[in-house]
């Protein structure tokens, strides 16, 4: 449903739409790695190890 909405609202022919969607996907992924994941990391239990104690 969301992908159909994006596809309908993007301008241009199919090749341009695919390129724009790829750029948007890379931008969202980069934003997650730069801002979201570092902000959430202190709250995740992955760094609380019990091995070696």
C-alpha atoms as a PDB file:
ATOM      1  CA  UNK A   1       0.000   0.000   0.000  1.00  0.00           C
ATOM      2  CA  UNK A   2       2.769   2.449   0.933  1.00  0.00           C
ATOM      3  CA  UNK A   3       4.854   1.453  -2.084  1.00  0.00           C
ATOM      4  CA  UNK A   4       1.898   1.914  -4.411  1.00  0.00           C
ATOM      5  CA  UNK A   5       1.317   5.384  -2.953  1.00  0.00           C
ATOM      6  CA  UNK A   6       4.983   6.287  -3.486  1.00  0.00           C
ATOM      7  CA  UNK A   7       4.922   4.923  -7.030  1.00  0.00           C
ATOM      8  CA  UNK A   8       1.808   6.917  -7.961  1.00  0.00           C
ATOM      9  CA  UNK A   9       3.115  10.193  -6.537  1.00  0.00           C
ATOM     10  CA  UNK A  10       6.589  10.166  -8.077  1.00  0.00           C
ATOM     11  CA  UNK A  11       6.990  12.089 -11.337  1.00  0.00           C
ATOM     12  CA  UNK A  12       8.416  10.788 -14.585  1.00  0.00           C
ATOM     13  CA  UNK A  13       8.631   7.469 -16.385  1.00  0.00           C
ATOM     14  CA  UNK A  14       9.332   4.170 -14.655  1.00  0.00           C
ATOM     15  CA  UNK A  15      13.131   4.417 -14.972  1.00  0.00           C
ATOM     16  CA  UNK A  16      13.175   7.809 -13.248  1.00  0.00           C
ATOM     17  CA  UNK A  17      10.849   6.545 -10.526  1.00  0.00           C
ATOM     18  CA  UNK A  18      13.113   3.581  -9.832  1.00  0.00           C
ATOM     19  CA  UNK A  19      16.138   5.881  -9.627  1.00  0.00           C
ATOM     20  CA  UNK A  20      14.356   8.287  -7.262  1.00  0.00           C
ATOM     21  CA  UNK A  21      13.187   5.415  -5.042  1.00  0.00           C
ATOM     22  CA  UNK A  22      16.727   4.016  -4.921  1.00  0.00           C
ATOM     23  CA  UNK A  23      18.134   7.399  -3.909  1.00  0.00           C
ATOM     24  CA  UNK A  24      15.427   7.781  -1.252  1.00  0.00           C
ATOM     25  CA  UNK A  25      16.163   4.313   0.120  1.00  0.00           C
ATOM     26  CA  UNK A  26      19.894   5.071   0.361  1.00  0.00           C
ATOM     27  CA  UNK A  27      19.129   8.389   2.086  1.00  0.00           C
ATOM     28  CA  UNK A  28      16.875   6.719   4.659  1.00  0.00           C
ATOM     29  CA  UNK A  29      19.451   4.017   5.307  1.00  0.00           C
ATOM     30  CA  UNK A  30      22.230   6.596   5.711  1.00  0.00           C
ATOM     31  CA  UNK A  31      20.097   8.644   8.113  1.00  0.00           C
ATOM     32  CA  UNK A  32      19.445   5.542  10.196  1.00  0.00           C
ATOM     33  CA  UNK A  33      23.153   4.715  10.447  1.00  0.00           C
ATOM     34  CA  UNK A  34      24.221   8.302  11.152  1.00  0.00           C
ATOM     35  CA  UNK A  35      21.519   9.471  13.595  1.00  0.00           C
ATOM     36  CA  UNK A  36      18.967   6.834  14.609  1.00  0.00           C
ATOM     37  CA  UNK A  37      21.121   3.807  15.443  1.00  0.00           C
ATOM     38  CA  UNK A  38      23.716   5.755  17.507  1.00  0.00           C
ATOM     39  CA  UNK A  39      20.901   7.442  19.449  1.00  0.00           C
ATOM     40  CA  UNK A  40      19.241   4.100  20.259  1.00  0.00           C
ATOM     41  CA  UNK A  41      22.430   2.099  20.950  1.00  0.00           C
ATOM     42  CA  UNK A  42      22.855   3.095  24.625  1.00  0.00           C
ATOM     43  CA  UNK A  43      19.389   1.715  25.389  1.00  0.00           C
ATOM     44  CA  UNK A  44      19.979  -1.684  23.792  1.00  0.00           C
ATOM     45  CA  UNK A  45      21.145  -4.622  25.951  1.00  0.00           C
ATOM     46  CA  UNK A  46      23.736  -5.874  23.435  1.00  0.00           C
ATOM     47  CA  UNK A  47      26.668  -4.277  25.276  1.00  0.00           C
ATOM     48  CA  UNK A  48      25.738  -5.860  28.625  1.00  0.00           C
ATOM     49  CA  UNK A  49      27.858  -8.989  28.404  1.00  0.00           C
ATOM     50  CA  UNK A  50      28.232 -11.534  31.180  1.00  0.00           C
ATOM     51  CA  UNK A  51      31.083 -13.518  29.654  1.00  0.00           C
ATOM     52  CA  UNK A  52      34.381 -12.960  31.444  1.00  0.00           C
ATOM     53  CA  UNK A  53      32.917 -11.787  34.726  1.00  0.00           C
END
